[in-house]
Amino acid sequence: MKLICISDTHSLHRKLPELPEGDVLIHAGDGLGAGTLDDVEEFNDWLSSLPYRHRVVIAGNHDWAFQEAPQAARAALTNAIYLEDEAVKIDGVTFWGSPWTPNFMDWAFMLKRGQPLAEKWQQIPADTDVLITHGPPMGFGDQVDTGLSYEPVGCADLTDRLRELNVKAHVFGHIHEGYGQYQLGNTRLINASTCNVLYQPINPAIVVEL
């Protein structure tokens, strides 16, 4: 199975570099710009033009419609499988998706560090093959430029949960500066942020073969 991984397209999806061939498109959140239902409908229209057999989408901190009008947003997303703390099995491969990230300002799908987030990560089933979260685990593709230095802002509890699991791939985004691939034990970690720090959608999709 070939996974095509993107994230953080911020309603700029029609300006993306050409996407490679594959079986499953994974979008790890922040597909929307202003986060409106109109954005969802336009995003859904774009998804319909893609040739993948399956498309799996989670929300991110910009995707307000999925938090404020969840039923309407899900109803509008007809061309993808939407995961929010839930799983789907595709050709024998189990995908689990979750939108939550640590608190930062006032955005969608944010929780306090510590127990609230740890409880979300404990919901990830032990048989998960591909984990999709919007935010990164602490220490992997999570460093932001403060102007003075680079600081990690990922979730430590997510890193701890990854060490307990045996997922083949973990796909995320959120931190545009962290685009790229990393390794934690046998798990391949992919920060698939399509937009760079200047919100230019120039980073190529990352391909993962299972």
Protein backbone atom coordinates (compact mmCIF):
# COMPACT_ATOMS: atom_id res chain seq x y z
CA MET A 1 0.00 0.00 0.00
CA LYS A 2 1.36 3.41 -1.01
CA LEU A 3 0.40 6.37 1.21
CA ILE A 4 0.54 9.94 -0.10
CA CYS A 5 0.95 12.26 2.90
CA ILE A 6 0.11 15.97 2.97
CA SER A 7 -0.98 18.44 5.65
CA ASP A 8 -1.49 22.14 6.33
CA THR A 9 -2.69 23.14 2.88
CA HIS A 10 -4.80 26.01 4.32
CA SER A 11 -7.23 26.18 1.36
CA LEU A 12 -4.28 26.48 -1.03
CA HIS A 13 -4.69 22.89 -2.24
CA ARG A 14 -5.17 23.88 -5.88
CA LYS A 15 -1.68 25.40 -5.86
CA LEU A 16 0.04 22.25 -4.59
CA PRO A 17 2.91 20.65 -6.45
CA GLU A 18 1.73 17.69 -8.52
CA LEU A 19 0.79 14.80 -6.25
CA PRO A 20 2.35 11.38 -6.91
CA GLU A 21 0.42 8.22 -7.64
CA GLY A 22 -0.65 6.10 -4.70
CA ASP A 23 -3.43 4.18 -2.99
CA VAL A 24 -4.39 6.30 0.03
CA LEU A 25 -4.18 10.08 0.37
CA ILE A 26 -3.67 11.19 3.98
CA HIS A 27 -4.35 14.80 4.94
CA ALA A 28 -3.23 15.49 8.53
CA GLY A 29 -5.28 18.62 9.20
CA ASP A 30 -5.52 22.33 8.46
CA GLY A 31 -7.00 21.71 5.07
CA LEU A 32 -9.10 24.85 5.47
CA GLY A 33 -8.27 28.56 5.40
CA ALA A 34 -10.86 30.48 7.43
CA GLY A 35 -12.33 27.19 8.61
CA THR A 36 -15.86 27.76 7.28
CA LEU A 37 -18.36 25.30 5.85
CA ASP A 38 -17.80 26.94 2.46
CA ASP A 39 -14.13 26.01 2.85
CA VAL A 40 -15.13 22.41 3.57
CA GLU A 41 -17.26 22.26 0.44
CA GLU A 42 -14.48 23.67 -1.75
CA PHE A 43 -11.93 21.31 -0.18
CA ASN A 44 -14.31 18.41 -0.79
CA ASP A 45 -14.69 19.42 -4.44
CA TRP A 46 -10.91 19.36 -4.86
CA LEU A 47 -10.68 15.94 -3.20
CA SER A 48 -13.16 14.60 -5.76
CA SER A 49 -10.70 15.43 -8.53
CA LEU A 50 -7.94 13.25 -7.08
CA PRO A 51 -7.45 9.72 -8.43
CA TYR A 52 -6.79 7.91 -5.12
CA ARG A 53 -8.90 4.89 -4.16
CA HIS A 54 -9.14 6.22 -0.59
CA ARG A 55 -8.72 9.63 1.04
CA VAL A 56 -8.36 9.95 4.83
CA VAL A 57 -8.71 13.39 6.44
CA ILE A 58 -8.46 14.73 9.99
CA ALA A 59 -9.06 18.26 11.28
CA GLY A 60 -6.47 20.71 12.56
CA ASN A 61 -6.46 23.85 14.65
CA HIS A 62 -7.62 26.02 11.71
CA ASP A 63 -10.50 23.72 10.81
CA TRP A 64 -13.15 25.41 12.94
CA ALA A 65 -16.15 24.00 11.08
CA PHE A 66 -15.40 20.49 12.34
CA GLN A 67 -15.48 21.72 15.93
CA GLU A 68 -18.30 24.28 15.79
CA ALA A 69 -20.61 22.58 13.26
CA PRO A 70 -19.41 18.97 13.28
CA GLN A 71 -22.47 17.35 11.75
CA ALA A 72 -22.66 19.83 8.88
CA ALA A 73 -18.90 19.65 8.27
CA ARG A 74 -18.91 15.86 8.17
CA ALA A 75 -21.92 15.90 5.86
CA ALA A 76 -20.10 18.26 3.48
CA LEU A 77 -16.98 16.07 3.35
CA THR A 78 -18.34 13.35 1.09
CA ASN A 79 -15.13 12.55 -0.80
CA ALA A 80 -12.98 11.45 2.14
CA ILE A 81 -13.05 9.37 5.30
CA TYR A 82 -13.02 11.80 8.23
CA LEU A 83 -11.46 10.55 11.47
CA GLU A 84 -11.84 12.24 14.85
CA ASP A 85 -10.57 9.97 17.62
CA GLU A 86 -11.62 6.96 15.61
CA ALA A 87 -10.28 4.27 13.31
CA VAL A 88 -10.87 2.90 9.84
CA LYS A 89 -9.49 -0.28 8.29
CA ILE A 90 -8.49 -0.15 4.63
CA ASP A 91 -7.27 -3.32 2.93
CA GLY A 92 -6.30 -4.77 6.30
CA VAL A 93 -4.42 -1.64 7.46
CA THR A 94 -5.80 0.17 10.52
CA PHE A 95 -5.67 4.00 10.47
CA TRP A 96 -6.40 6.09 13.58
CA GLY A 97 -6.90 9.85 13.35
CA SER A 98 -7.07 12.61 15.98
CA PRO A 99 -7.04 16.44 15.66
CA TRP A 100 -5.88 17.50 19.14
CA THR A 101 -2.82 19.67 19.88
CA PRO A 102 -1.48 21.37 23.04
CA ASN A 103 -2.98 24.76 23.92
CA PHE A 104 -1.57 27.71 21.99
CA MET A 105 -3.59 30.91 21.79
CA ASP A 106 -7.26 30.31 20.89
CA TRP A 107 -7.55 27.77 18.10
CA ALA A 108 -9.72 24.74 17.42
CA PHE A 109 -9.13 21.28 18.87
CA MET A 110 -6.71 22.31 21.60
CA LEU A 111 -6.29 20.83 25.08
CA LYS A 112 -4.08 21.46 28.08
CA ARG A 113 -0.83 19.56 28.24
CA GLY A 114 -0.82 16.65 30.64
CA GLN A 115 -3.85 14.54 31.52
CA PRO A 116 -6.36 15.94 28.96
CA LEU A 117 -4.08 15.10 26.03
CA ALA A 118 -2.74 11.90 27.59
CA GLU A 119 -6.31 10.61 27.84
CA LYS A 120 -6.83 11.24 24.13
CA TRP A 121 -3.67 9.32 23.22
CA GLN A 122 -4.66 6.39 25.42
CA GLN A 123 -7.64 5.93 23.10
CA ILE A 124 -5.29 4.94 20.26
CA PRO A 125 -5.76 1.18 19.80
CA ALA A 126 -2.80 -1.15 20.17
CA ASP A 127 -3.40 -2.57 16.68
CA THR A 128 -3.03 0.79 14.93
CA ASP A 129 -0.81 0.58 11.85
CA VAL A 130 -0.92 4.23 10.71
CA LEU A 131 -1.44 7.02 13.24
CA ILE A 132 -2.59 10.42 11.98
CA THR A 133 -2.51 13.39 14.35
CA HIS A 134 -2.47 17.07 13.55
CA GLY A 135 0.37 17.94 15.91
CA PRO A 136 3.80 16.32 16.28
CA PRO A 137 5.18 14.31 19.16
CA MET A 138 7.72 16.12 21.31
CA GLY A 139 11.17 16.02 19.77
CA PHE A 140 10.25 15.11 16.19
CA GLY A 141 9.50 17.73 13.54
CA ASP A 142 8.22 20.10 16.23
CA GLN A 143 10.75 22.90 16.49
CA VAL A 144 9.61 26.49 15.94
CA ASP A 145 11.75 29.54 15.32
CA THR A 146 11.29 31.96 18.23
CA GLY A 147 13.62 34.52 16.67
CA LEU A 148 16.33 33.69 19.19
CA SER A 149 16.42 29.90 18.93
CA TYR A 150 14.47 26.86 17.85
CA GLU A 151 12.25 25.34 20.53
CA PRO A 152 10.32 22.04 20.52
CA VAL A 153 6.58 22.46 21.00
CA GLY A 154 5.30 18.95 20.36
CA CYS A 155 3.35 16.80 22.81
CA ALA A 156 5.45 14.76 25.24
CA ASP A 157 2.50 12.52 26.11
CA LEU A 158 2.12 11.67 22.43
CA THR A 159 5.80 10.65 22.31
CA ASP A 160 5.27 8.47 25.38
CA ARG A 161 2.27 6.79 23.78
CA LEU A 162 4.20 6.16 20.56
CA ARG A 163 6.85 4.33 22.56
CA GLU A 164 4.11 2.02 23.89
CA LEU A 165 2.68 1.30 20.44
CA ASN A 166 4.13 -0.36 17.39
CA VAL A 167 2.70 1.77 14.58
CA LYS A 168 4.35 1.55 11.20
CA ALA A 169 3.90 5.24 10.35
CA HIS A 170 2.83 8.39 12.18
CA VAL A 171 1.70 11.24 9.92
CA PHE A 172 1.26 14.79 11.26
CA GLY A 173 1.82 18.46 10.43
CA HIS A 174 0.97 21.68 12.31
CA ILE A 175 4.59 22.85 12.68
CA HIS A 176 5.48 23.97 9.18
CA GLU A 177 9.18 24.36 9.98
CA GLY A 178 9.37 20.67 10.88
CA TYR A 179 8.52 19.28 7.43
CA GLY A 180 10.37 16.04 6.77
CA GLN A 181 10.86 12.49 8.01
CA TYR A 182 12.10 11.15 11.33
CA GLN A 183 12.44 7.81 13.10
CA LEU A 184 11.41 6.56 16.54
CA GLY A 185 12.28 2.90 16.98
CA ASN A 186 10.48 1.05 14.21
CA THR A 187 8.05 3.91 13.59
CA ARG A 188 8.49 6.23 10.64
CA LEU A 189 7.46 9.77 11.57
CA ILE A 190 6.30 12.13 8.81
CA ASN A 191 5.73 15.86 9.21
CA ALA A 192 3.82 16.33 5.97
CA SER A 193 3.21 20.10 6.21
CA THR A 194 2.66 21.29 2.66
CA CYS A 195 2.94 25.00 3.48
CA ASN A 196 6.24 26.38 4.66
CA VAL A 197 6.53 28.93 7.47
CA LEU A 198 5.49 31.68 5.02
CA TYR A 199 2.30 29.76 4.13
CA GLN A 200 3.57 28.95 0.66
CA PRO A 201 2.31 25.49 -0.45
CA ILE A 202 5.62 24.31 -1.85
CA ASN A 203 6.59 21.19 0.13
CA PRO A 204 6.12 17.99 -1.88
CA ALA A 205 3.87 15.21 -0.64
CA ILE A 206 5.75 12.50 1.26
CA VAL A 207 5.28 8.94 0.02
CA VAL A 208 5.19 6.01 2.44
CA GLU A 209 5.05 2.40 1.25
CA LEU A 210 3.75 -0.16 3.73
